[in-house]
N, C-alpha and C. Protein backbone atom coordinates (compact mmCIF):
# COMPACT_ATOMS: atom_id res chain seq x y z
N MET A 1 55.94 -58.01 102.73
CA MET A 1 55.87 -56.70 102.11
C MET A 1 57.19 -55.97 102.28
N MET A 2 57.73 -55.48 101.18
CA MET A 2 59.00 -54.76 101.23
C MET A 2 58.78 -53.32 101.67
N THR A 3 59.60 -52.87 102.59
CA THR A 3 59.54 -51.49 103.04
C THR A 3 60.31 -50.61 102.07
N LYS A 4 59.70 -49.51 101.69
CA LYS A 4 60.39 -48.57 100.80
C LYS A 4 61.56 -47.93 101.52
N LYS A 5 62.54 -47.53 100.73
CA LYS A 5 63.68 -46.79 101.26
C LYS A 5 63.35 -45.30 101.17
N PHE A 6 63.70 -44.58 102.21
CA PHE A 6 63.56 -43.12 102.24
C PHE A 6 64.95 -42.54 102.03
N VAL A 7 65.13 -41.80 100.94
CA VAL A 7 66.42 -41.17 100.67
C VAL A 7 66.19 -39.67 100.72
N PHE A 8 66.75 -39.04 101.74
CA PHE A 8 66.64 -37.61 101.92
C PHE A 8 67.92 -36.96 101.41
N GLY A 9 67.78 -35.88 100.69
CA GLY A 9 68.93 -35.09 100.26
C GLY A 9 68.83 -33.75 100.96
N LEU A 10 69.84 -33.43 101.77
CA LEU A 10 69.79 -32.17 102.50
C LEU A 10 70.35 -31.04 101.63
N GLY A 11 69.73 -29.88 101.78
CA GLY A 11 70.15 -28.71 101.03
C GLY A 11 69.25 -27.54 101.34
N ASN A 12 69.43 -26.48 100.59
CA ASN A 12 68.60 -25.28 100.69
C ASN A 12 67.89 -25.08 99.36
N TYR A 13 66.60 -24.81 99.40
CA TYR A 13 65.85 -24.63 98.17
C TYR A 13 65.96 -23.19 97.67
N GLY A 14 65.72 -23.02 96.39
CA GLY A 14 65.72 -21.70 95.78
C GLY A 14 66.94 -21.47 94.90
N ALA A 15 66.77 -20.58 93.94
CA ALA A 15 67.82 -20.30 92.95
C ALA A 15 69.11 -19.76 93.60
N ASP A 16 68.98 -19.02 94.68
CA ASP A 16 70.17 -18.46 95.34
C ASP A 16 71.13 -19.54 95.84
N TYR A 17 70.60 -20.73 96.10
CA TYR A 17 71.41 -21.80 96.68
C TYR A 17 71.79 -22.89 95.69
N GLN A 18 71.29 -22.79 94.47
CA GLN A 18 71.59 -23.81 93.47
C GLN A 18 73.10 -23.88 93.25
N ASP A 19 73.62 -25.07 93.20
CA ASP A 19 75.04 -25.35 92.97
C ASP A 19 75.95 -24.89 94.10
N THR A 20 75.41 -24.68 95.29
CA THR A 20 76.28 -24.39 96.44
C THR A 20 76.75 -25.72 97.04
N ARG A 21 77.81 -25.65 97.79
CA ARG A 21 78.37 -26.86 98.41
C ARG A 21 77.35 -27.52 99.35
N HIS A 22 76.59 -26.70 100.04
CA HIS A 22 75.60 -27.22 101.00
C HIS A 22 74.50 -28.04 100.31
N ASN A 23 74.38 -27.92 99.00
CA ASN A 23 73.33 -28.63 98.27
C ASN A 23 73.80 -29.95 97.65
N ALA A 24 74.86 -30.52 98.15
CA ALA A 24 75.35 -31.80 97.65
C ALA A 24 74.25 -32.87 97.73
N GLY A 25 73.47 -32.86 98.79
CA GLY A 25 72.38 -33.83 98.94
C GLY A 25 71.32 -33.67 97.86
N PHE A 26 70.97 -32.44 97.52
CA PHE A 26 70.01 -32.19 96.44
C PHE A 26 70.57 -32.67 95.10
N LEU A 27 71.85 -32.39 94.84
CA LEU A 27 72.47 -32.82 93.59
C LEU A 27 72.44 -34.35 93.47
N PHE A 28 72.72 -35.03 94.57
CA PHE A 28 72.68 -36.49 94.56
C PHE A 28 71.27 -37.00 94.26
N LEU A 29 70.25 -36.40 94.86
CA LEU A 29 68.89 -36.84 94.60
C LEU A 29 68.47 -36.57 93.16
N ASP A 30 68.92 -35.46 92.58
CA ASP A 30 68.63 -35.19 91.18
C ASP A 30 69.23 -36.29 90.30
N TYR A 31 70.45 -36.70 90.62
CA TYR A 31 71.12 -37.77 89.87
C TYR A 31 70.35 -39.09 90.04
N LEU A 32 70.00 -39.42 91.26
CA LEU A 32 69.30 -40.67 91.55
C LEU A 32 67.93 -40.70 90.88
N GLN A 33 67.23 -39.57 90.92
CA GLN A 33 65.90 -39.47 90.29
C GLN A 33 66.00 -39.79 88.80
N LYS A 34 67.03 -39.27 88.14
CA LYS A 34 67.21 -39.53 86.70
C LYS A 34 67.59 -41.00 86.47
N LYS A 35 68.50 -41.52 87.30
CA LYS A 35 68.95 -42.92 87.15
C LYS A 35 67.78 -43.89 87.31
N LEU A 36 66.87 -43.59 88.23
CA LEU A 36 65.72 -44.47 88.48
C LEU A 36 64.56 -44.19 87.53
N GLY A 37 64.68 -43.14 86.72
CA GLY A 37 63.62 -42.80 85.77
C GLY A 37 62.34 -42.33 86.44
N LEU A 38 62.48 -41.64 87.57
CA LEU A 38 61.32 -41.17 88.31
C LEU A 38 60.82 -39.84 87.77
N SER A 39 59.57 -39.54 88.08
CA SER A 39 58.99 -38.26 87.68
C SER A 39 59.70 -37.12 88.41
N SER A 40 59.44 -35.90 87.98
CA SER A 40 60.04 -34.73 88.62
C SER A 40 59.59 -34.62 90.07
N PHE A 41 60.39 -33.94 90.86
CA PHE A 41 60.03 -33.69 92.25
C PHE A 41 58.85 -32.73 92.29
N SER A 42 57.92 -32.97 93.19
CA SER A 42 56.81 -32.03 93.38
C SER A 42 56.65 -31.75 94.87
N TYR A 43 56.25 -30.53 95.16
CA TYR A 43 56.14 -30.09 96.55
C TYR A 43 54.89 -30.67 97.22
N ASN A 44 55.07 -31.19 98.43
CA ASN A 44 53.97 -31.68 99.25
C ASN A 44 54.02 -30.89 100.56
N LYS A 45 53.04 -30.01 100.76
CA LYS A 45 53.09 -29.13 101.94
C LYS A 45 52.91 -29.89 103.26
N LYS A 46 52.28 -31.06 103.22
CA LYS A 46 52.09 -31.83 104.46
C LYS A 46 53.41 -32.32 105.03
N ILE A 47 54.38 -32.53 104.15
CA ILE A 47 55.68 -33.01 104.61
C ILE A 47 56.79 -31.96 104.44
N LEU A 48 56.40 -30.76 104.00
CA LEU A 48 57.35 -29.65 103.82
C LEU A 48 58.53 -30.04 102.93
N SER A 49 58.24 -30.82 101.89
CA SER A 49 59.31 -31.36 101.06
C SER A 49 58.88 -31.50 99.61
N ALA A 50 59.87 -31.53 98.74
CA ALA A 50 59.66 -31.94 97.35
C ALA A 50 59.96 -33.43 97.31
N ILE A 51 59.10 -34.19 96.62
CA ILE A 51 59.21 -35.65 96.67
C ILE A 51 58.91 -36.27 95.32
N THR A 52 59.52 -37.39 95.08
CA THR A 52 59.18 -38.27 93.96
C THR A 52 59.36 -39.69 94.48
N SER A 53 58.67 -40.65 93.87
CA SER A 53 58.75 -42.01 94.40
C SER A 53 58.41 -43.04 93.33
N ASN A 54 58.72 -44.28 93.66
CA ASN A 54 58.28 -45.44 92.91
C ASN A 54 57.97 -46.53 93.93
N GLN A 55 57.90 -47.77 93.51
CA GLN A 55 57.54 -48.85 94.44
C GLN A 55 58.65 -49.15 95.44
N GLU A 56 59.85 -48.70 95.16
CA GLU A 56 60.99 -49.03 96.02
C GLU A 56 61.54 -47.86 96.84
N PHE A 57 61.33 -46.63 96.34
CA PHE A 57 61.98 -45.46 96.94
C PHE A 57 61.03 -44.28 97.11
N TYR A 58 61.31 -43.52 98.17
CA TYR A 58 60.84 -42.14 98.30
C TYR A 58 62.11 -41.29 98.25
N LEU A 59 62.21 -40.39 97.30
CA LEU A 59 63.31 -39.44 97.26
C LEU A 59 62.76 -38.11 97.74
N VAL A 60 63.39 -37.55 98.77
CA VAL A 60 62.80 -36.40 99.46
C VAL A 60 63.83 -35.28 99.63
N LYS A 61 63.43 -34.08 99.19
CA LYS A 61 64.25 -32.87 99.40
C LYS A 61 63.49 -31.97 100.37
N PRO A 62 63.91 -31.91 101.63
CA PRO A 62 63.26 -31.00 102.57
C PRO A 62 63.30 -29.56 102.05
N GLN A 63 62.20 -28.85 102.22
CA GLN A 63 62.11 -27.46 101.77
C GLN A 63 62.02 -26.51 102.96
N THR A 64 62.73 -26.85 104.01
CA THR A 64 62.70 -26.08 105.26
C THR A 64 63.98 -25.29 105.49
N TYR A 65 64.86 -25.29 104.53
CA TYR A 65 66.22 -24.81 104.65
C TYR A 65 67.00 -25.78 105.52
N MET A 66 68.30 -25.78 105.31
CA MET A 66 69.18 -26.78 105.91
C MET A 66 69.02 -26.91 107.43
N ASN A 67 69.04 -25.79 108.14
CA ASN A 67 69.09 -25.85 109.60
C ASN A 67 67.81 -26.38 110.25
N ALA A 68 66.74 -26.55 109.48
CA ALA A 68 65.49 -27.11 110.01
C ALA A 68 65.11 -28.40 109.27
N SER A 69 66.08 -29.07 108.69
CA SER A 69 65.82 -30.29 107.92
C SER A 69 65.09 -31.35 108.71
N GLY A 70 65.39 -31.46 109.99
CA GLY A 70 64.78 -32.50 110.82
C GLY A 70 63.27 -32.44 110.85
N GLU A 71 62.73 -31.24 110.81
CA GLU A 71 61.27 -31.08 110.82
C GLU A 71 60.65 -31.79 109.61
N ALA A 72 61.22 -31.59 108.44
CA ALA A 72 60.69 -32.22 107.23
C ALA A 72 60.95 -33.73 107.23
N VAL A 73 62.09 -34.15 107.74
CA VAL A 73 62.39 -35.59 107.80
C VAL A 73 61.36 -36.30 108.66
N VAL A 74 61.10 -35.79 109.85
CA VAL A 74 60.11 -36.42 110.75
C VAL A 74 58.71 -36.36 110.16
N LYS A 75 58.33 -35.23 109.58
CA LYS A 75 57.00 -35.13 108.97
C LYS A 75 56.83 -36.18 107.86
N THR A 76 57.87 -36.36 107.06
CA THR A 76 57.80 -37.33 105.97
C THR A 76 57.68 -38.75 106.50
N LEU A 77 58.56 -39.11 107.42
CA LEU A 77 58.54 -40.48 107.96
C LEU A 77 57.23 -40.76 108.70
N SER A 78 56.71 -39.77 109.41
CA SER A 78 55.43 -39.92 110.11
C SER A 78 54.27 -40.03 109.12
N TYR A 79 54.28 -39.19 108.11
CA TYR A 79 53.21 -39.16 107.10
C TYR A 79 53.06 -40.52 106.42
N PHE A 80 54.20 -41.17 106.15
CA PHE A 80 54.17 -42.47 105.50
C PHE A 80 54.20 -43.62 106.51
N SER A 81 53.90 -43.31 107.77
CA SER A 81 53.77 -44.31 108.85
C SER A 81 55.02 -45.15 109.05
N TYR A 82 56.16 -44.57 108.84
CA TYR A 82 57.42 -45.28 109.08
C TYR A 82 57.99 -44.93 110.45
N PHE A 83 57.57 -43.83 111.00
CA PHE A 83 58.15 -43.32 112.25
C PHE A 83 57.05 -42.70 113.09
N ASP A 84 57.04 -43.02 114.39
CA ASP A 84 56.08 -42.42 115.30
C ASP A 84 56.83 -41.54 116.28
N VAL A 85 56.68 -40.24 116.10
CA VAL A 85 57.41 -39.28 116.92
C VAL A 85 56.97 -39.36 118.39
N ASN A 86 55.79 -39.87 118.66
CA ASN A 86 55.28 -39.96 120.03
C ASN A 86 55.62 -41.27 120.72
N SER A 87 56.25 -42.18 120.02
CA SER A 87 56.58 -43.48 120.60
C SER A 87 57.89 -43.40 121.38
N SER A 88 57.91 -44.05 122.51
CA SER A 88 59.15 -44.10 123.29
C SER A 88 60.05 -45.24 122.82
N ALA A 89 59.49 -46.14 122.01
CA ALA A 89 60.30 -47.24 121.48
C ALA A 89 61.28 -46.71 120.44
N GLN A 90 62.48 -47.27 120.46
CA GLN A 90 63.49 -46.86 119.48
C GLN A 90 63.03 -47.28 118.08
N SER A 91 62.96 -46.34 117.18
CA SER A 91 62.53 -46.64 115.82
C SER A 91 63.65 -47.31 115.04
N ASN A 92 63.27 -48.18 114.13
CA ASN A 92 64.22 -48.81 113.24
C ASN A 92 64.39 -47.91 112.02
N LEU A 93 65.55 -47.35 111.88
CA LEU A 93 65.81 -46.40 110.80
C LEU A 93 66.69 -47.01 109.70
N ASN A 94 66.64 -48.35 109.57
CA ASN A 94 67.49 -49.03 108.58
C ASN A 94 67.19 -48.65 107.14
N GLN A 95 65.98 -48.18 106.87
CA GLN A 95 65.60 -47.84 105.50
C GLN A 95 65.66 -46.33 105.26
N VAL A 96 66.34 -45.61 106.15
CA VAL A 96 66.46 -44.16 106.04
C VAL A 96 67.91 -43.81 105.68
N PHE A 97 68.05 -43.08 104.58
CA PHE A 97 69.34 -42.65 104.05
C PHE A 97 69.31 -41.13 103.94
N VAL A 98 70.35 -40.47 104.45
CA VAL A 98 70.42 -39.02 104.37
C VAL A 98 71.71 -38.64 103.65
N ALA A 99 71.56 -38.04 102.48
CA ALA A 99 72.70 -37.60 101.67
C ALA A 99 72.99 -36.13 102.00
N HIS A 100 74.24 -35.83 102.27
CA HIS A 100 74.58 -34.47 102.70
C HIS A 100 76.03 -34.13 102.39
N ASP A 101 76.31 -32.84 102.41
CA ASP A 101 77.67 -32.34 102.24
C ASP A 101 78.46 -32.62 103.51
N ASP A 102 79.78 -32.73 103.35
CA ASP A 102 80.63 -33.01 104.49
C ASP A 102 81.95 -32.26 104.31
N LEU A 103 82.16 -31.26 105.13
CA LEU A 103 83.37 -30.44 105.08
C LEU A 103 84.58 -31.16 105.67
N ASP A 104 84.35 -32.32 106.32
CA ASP A 104 85.45 -33.11 106.86
C ASP A 104 86.13 -33.96 105.78
N LEU A 105 85.51 -34.03 104.59
CA LEU A 105 86.05 -34.84 103.49
C LEU A 105 86.41 -33.93 102.32
N LYS A 106 87.48 -34.29 101.61
CA LYS A 106 87.88 -33.54 100.41
C LYS A 106 86.83 -33.74 99.32
N ILE A 107 86.70 -32.74 98.47
CA ILE A 107 85.74 -32.83 97.37
C ILE A 107 86.09 -34.05 96.50
N GLY A 108 85.06 -34.79 96.17
CA GLY A 108 85.25 -36.01 95.39
C GLY A 108 85.30 -37.27 96.23
N GLU A 109 85.50 -37.12 97.54
CA GLU A 109 85.49 -38.28 98.44
C GLU A 109 84.08 -38.49 98.97
N PHE A 110 83.79 -39.70 99.42
CA PHE A 110 82.51 -39.98 100.05
C PHE A 110 82.67 -41.10 101.06
N LYS A 111 81.72 -41.16 101.96
CA LYS A 111 81.63 -42.26 102.93
C LYS A 111 80.16 -42.61 103.10
N ILE A 112 79.90 -43.88 103.26
CA ILE A 112 78.56 -44.36 103.59
C ILE A 112 78.68 -45.04 104.94
N GLN A 113 78.04 -44.46 105.96
CA GLN A 113 78.18 -44.98 107.31
C GLN A 113 76.84 -44.90 108.04
N LYS A 114 76.60 -45.87 108.86
CA LYS A 114 75.38 -45.83 109.66
C LYS A 114 75.70 -45.16 111.00
N GLY A 115 74.95 -44.11 111.30
CA GLY A 115 75.07 -43.44 112.58
C GLY A 115 76.27 -42.52 112.72
N VAL A 116 77.01 -42.27 111.64
CA VAL A 116 78.21 -41.44 111.72
C VAL A 116 78.13 -40.32 110.69
N GLY A 117 78.22 -39.10 111.19
CA GLY A 117 78.21 -37.93 110.31
C GLY A 117 79.43 -37.07 110.59
N PRO A 118 79.50 -35.90 109.96
CA PRO A 118 80.62 -34.99 110.20
C PRO A 118 80.58 -34.41 111.62
N LYS A 119 81.69 -33.78 112.00
CA LYS A 119 81.78 -33.20 113.34
C LYS A 119 80.69 -32.17 113.59
N GLN A 120 80.45 -31.31 112.60
CA GLN A 120 79.50 -30.21 112.77
C GLN A 120 78.68 -30.07 111.50
N HIS A 121 77.37 -30.19 111.59
CA HIS A 121 76.49 -30.02 110.43
C HIS A 121 75.10 -29.72 110.96
N ASN A 122 74.65 -28.48 110.79
CA ASN A 122 73.39 -28.06 111.38
C ASN A 122 72.17 -28.81 110.84
N GLY A 123 72.19 -29.18 109.57
CA GLY A 123 71.08 -29.96 109.02
C GLY A 123 70.98 -31.33 109.68
N LEU A 124 72.13 -31.94 109.95
CA LEU A 124 72.12 -33.24 110.64
C LEU A 124 71.75 -33.07 112.10
N LEU A 125 72.26 -32.02 112.74
CA LEU A 125 71.90 -31.80 114.15
C LEU A 125 70.39 -31.65 114.29
N SER A 126 69.76 -30.94 113.38
CA SER A 126 68.31 -30.78 113.38
C SER A 126 67.63 -32.14 113.20
N THR A 127 68.17 -32.96 112.32
CA THR A 127 67.60 -34.29 112.06
C THR A 127 67.79 -35.20 113.27
N TYR A 128 68.97 -35.17 113.88
CA TYR A 128 69.20 -35.99 115.09
C TYR A 128 68.20 -35.61 116.18
N GLN A 129 68.02 -34.32 116.39
CA GLN A 129 67.11 -33.86 117.45
C GLN A 129 65.67 -34.26 117.14
N ALA A 130 65.25 -34.10 115.90
CA ALA A 130 63.87 -34.42 115.53
C ALA A 130 63.58 -35.92 115.64
N LEU A 131 64.54 -36.74 115.24
CA LEU A 131 64.35 -38.20 115.29
C LEU A 131 64.69 -38.78 116.66
N GLY A 132 65.46 -38.06 117.43
CA GLY A 132 65.94 -38.60 118.70
C GLY A 132 66.97 -39.70 118.47
N SER A 133 67.61 -39.69 117.31
CA SER A 133 68.57 -40.73 116.95
C SER A 133 69.42 -40.25 115.78
N GLN A 134 70.61 -40.79 115.68
CA GLN A 134 71.42 -40.58 114.48
C GLN A 134 71.73 -41.93 113.83
N ASP A 135 70.97 -42.95 114.21
CA ASP A 135 71.20 -44.31 113.75
C ASP A 135 70.50 -44.59 112.41
N PHE A 136 70.83 -43.77 111.42
CA PHE A 136 70.35 -43.97 110.05
C PHE A 136 71.59 -43.91 109.15
N TRP A 137 71.40 -44.21 107.89
CA TRP A 137 72.51 -44.21 106.94
C TRP A 137 72.87 -42.78 106.53
N HIS A 138 74.13 -42.45 106.68
CA HIS A 138 74.67 -41.16 106.25
C HIS A 138 75.42 -41.38 104.94
N ILE A 139 75.05 -40.65 103.91
CA ILE A 139 75.77 -40.66 102.65
C ILE A 139 76.52 -39.33 102.62
N ARG A 140 77.79 -39.39 102.95
CA ARG A 140 78.59 -38.20 103.18
C ARG A 140 79.40 -37.85 101.93
N PHE A 141 79.13 -36.68 101.36
CA PHE A 141 79.84 -36.23 100.16
C PHE A 141 80.80 -35.11 100.53
N GLY A 142 82.09 -35.35 100.28
CA GLY A 142 83.11 -34.35 100.57
C GLY A 142 82.95 -33.11 99.71
N ILE A 143 83.12 -31.96 100.35
CA ILE A 143 83.01 -30.69 99.63
C ILE A 143 84.22 -29.78 99.86
N ASP A 144 85.20 -30.24 100.65
CA ASP A 144 86.33 -29.38 100.98
C ASP A 144 87.31 -29.29 99.82
N ASP A 145 87.47 -28.09 99.31
CA ASP A 145 88.41 -27.82 98.21
C ASP A 145 89.21 -26.56 98.54
N ARG A 146 89.42 -26.34 99.84
CA ARG A 146 90.10 -25.11 100.27
C ARG A 146 91.61 -25.21 100.26
N GLY A 147 92.15 -26.42 100.18
CA GLY A 147 93.59 -26.56 100.31
C GLY A 147 94.01 -26.11 101.69
N LYS A 148 95.07 -25.30 101.75
CA LYS A 148 95.55 -24.82 103.05
C LYS A 148 94.90 -23.51 103.46
N ASP A 149 94.09 -22.93 102.59
CA ASP A 149 93.45 -21.65 102.87
C ASP A 149 92.18 -21.87 103.69
N ARG A 150 92.25 -21.63 104.98
CA ARG A 150 91.12 -21.85 105.87
C ARG A 150 90.56 -20.53 106.40
N ARG A 151 90.82 -19.42 105.67
CA ARG A 151 90.37 -18.11 106.14
C ARG A 151 88.86 -17.93 106.03
N ILE A 152 88.22 -18.62 105.09
CA ILE A 152 86.77 -18.49 104.91
C ILE A 152 86.08 -19.31 106.00
N PRO A 153 85.23 -18.68 106.81
CA PRO A 153 84.52 -19.44 107.85
C PRO A 153 83.67 -20.55 107.21
N PRO A 154 83.62 -21.73 107.82
CA PRO A 154 82.87 -22.86 107.25
C PRO A 154 81.43 -22.51 106.88
N GLU A 155 80.74 -21.73 107.72
CA GLU A 155 79.34 -21.39 107.44
C GLU A 155 79.18 -20.54 106.19
N ASN A 156 80.23 -19.82 105.80
CA ASN A 156 80.22 -19.06 104.54
C ASN A 156 80.66 -19.93 103.37
N TYR A 157 81.67 -20.77 103.60
CA TYR A 157 82.22 -21.62 102.55
C TYR A 157 81.15 -22.56 101.99
N VAL A 158 80.35 -23.17 102.85
CA VAL A 158 79.36 -24.15 102.38
C VAL A 158 78.26 -23.50 101.54
N LEU A 159 78.07 -22.18 101.68
CA LEU A 159 77.03 -21.48 100.93
C LEU A 159 77.54 -20.86 99.63
N GLN A 160 78.84 -21.04 99.34
CA GLN A 160 79.39 -20.52 98.09
C GLN A 160 79.05 -21.47 96.94
N LYS A 161 78.86 -20.89 95.76
CA LYS A 161 78.61 -21.70 94.57
C LYS A 161 79.90 -22.40 94.16
N MET A 162 79.73 -23.62 93.66
CA MET A 162 80.87 -24.40 93.17
C MET A 162 81.14 -24.08 91.71
N SER A 163 82.38 -24.21 91.32
CA SER A 163 82.74 -24.09 89.90
C SER A 163 82.27 -25.36 89.18
N LYS A 164 82.25 -25.30 87.85
CA LYS A 164 81.86 -26.49 87.07
C LYS A 164 82.80 -27.65 87.37
N ASP A 165 84.09 -27.35 87.54
CA ASP A 165 85.07 -28.40 87.84
C ASP A 165 84.79 -29.02 89.22
N GLN A 166 84.43 -28.20 90.20
CA GLN A 166 84.12 -28.72 91.53
C GLN A 166 82.85 -29.58 91.50
N ILE A 167 81.85 -29.15 90.75
CA ILE A 167 80.62 -29.95 90.62
C ILE A 167 80.95 -31.29 89.98
N LYS A 168 81.80 -31.26 88.98
CA LYS A 168 82.21 -32.50 88.31
C LYS A 168 82.92 -33.44 89.29
N LYS A 169 83.81 -32.90 90.13
CA LYS A 169 84.51 -33.72 91.13
C LYS A 169 83.51 -34.29 92.14
N LEU A 170 82.57 -33.47 92.58
CA LEU A 170 81.58 -33.90 93.58
C LEU A 170 80.72 -35.03 93.03
N THR A 171 80.25 -34.87 91.81
CA THR A 171 79.27 -35.81 91.25
C THR A 171 79.91 -37.03 90.58
N ALA A 172 81.23 -37.03 90.44
CA ALA A 172 81.93 -38.10 89.72
C ALA A 172 81.65 -39.48 90.29
N ASN A 173 81.44 -39.58 91.58
CA ASN A 173 81.25 -40.92 92.17
C ASN A 173 79.82 -41.20 92.60
N PHE A 174 78.86 -40.42 92.13
CA PHE A 174 77.46 -40.70 92.48
C PHE A 174 77.05 -42.10 92.02
N SER A 175 77.50 -42.51 90.84
CA SER A 175 77.12 -43.85 90.36
C SER A 175 77.71 -44.94 91.25
N GLN A 176 78.93 -44.74 91.72
CA GLN A 176 79.57 -45.71 92.62
C GLN A 176 78.79 -45.80 93.93
N VAL A 177 78.32 -44.67 94.43
CA VAL A 177 77.55 -44.65 95.68
C VAL A 177 76.27 -45.46 95.53
N ILE A 178 75.53 -45.23 94.45
CA ILE A 178 74.24 -45.94 94.32
C ILE A 178 74.46 -47.42 94.05
N GLN A 179 75.58 -47.78 93.43
CA GLN A 179 75.88 -49.20 93.26
C GLN A 179 76.25 -49.84 94.59
N GLN A 180 77.07 -49.17 95.41
CA GLN A 180 77.44 -49.70 96.72
C GLN A 180 76.21 -49.89 97.61
N LEU A 181 75.26 -48.98 97.49
CA LEU A 181 74.04 -49.08 98.29
C LEU A 181 73.03 -50.07 97.71
N GLY A 182 73.27 -50.56 96.50
CA GLY A 182 72.36 -51.48 95.86
C GLY A 182 71.08 -50.82 95.37
N PHE A 183 71.15 -49.51 95.12
CA PHE A 183 69.96 -48.78 94.66
C PHE A 183 69.64 -49.08 93.20
N VAL A 184 70.66 -49.37 92.41
CA VAL A 184 70.49 -49.76 91.01
C VAL A 184 71.44 -50.90 90.72
N SER A 185 71.12 -51.67 89.72
CA SER A 185 71.99 -52.80 89.38
C SER A 185 72.92 -52.44 88.23
């Protein structure tokens, strides 16, 4: 029996946060959902997330706001019997992928790494704490387009809306990412 892949996109829900840098994970899941021809995302209160799926994937957008993403990640993995929060045994998180913004990378860049995320990211910190591990796949999308101007604090910069050109740079390599991961042929 093949285990489904869980692909989480981190972000903040609601119109106020649409097209912000922090929602790179949501943008990636929207792209993947269309590429896979999946139904629209629908909210499931048991897992505190919007979800769509097929026989191979669960695509999940936590609806807990970024800083509490871990709660929704654990609820989802537990609900689908992939993760036991009460077990002392180290869980195998090989089928867990978390797509997120990364201020350590320039906009348009990406990295796919297991167990490696940016220096500081509250959504990931929440996920690490909830899972008791960071040994899952990180799909890191660069969002830094500040150049030499670093006057805007990072916590404010990530919540700013992107221009159409910045969105285009961010999303330009989504197809390359899903091909590298073998999500589509």
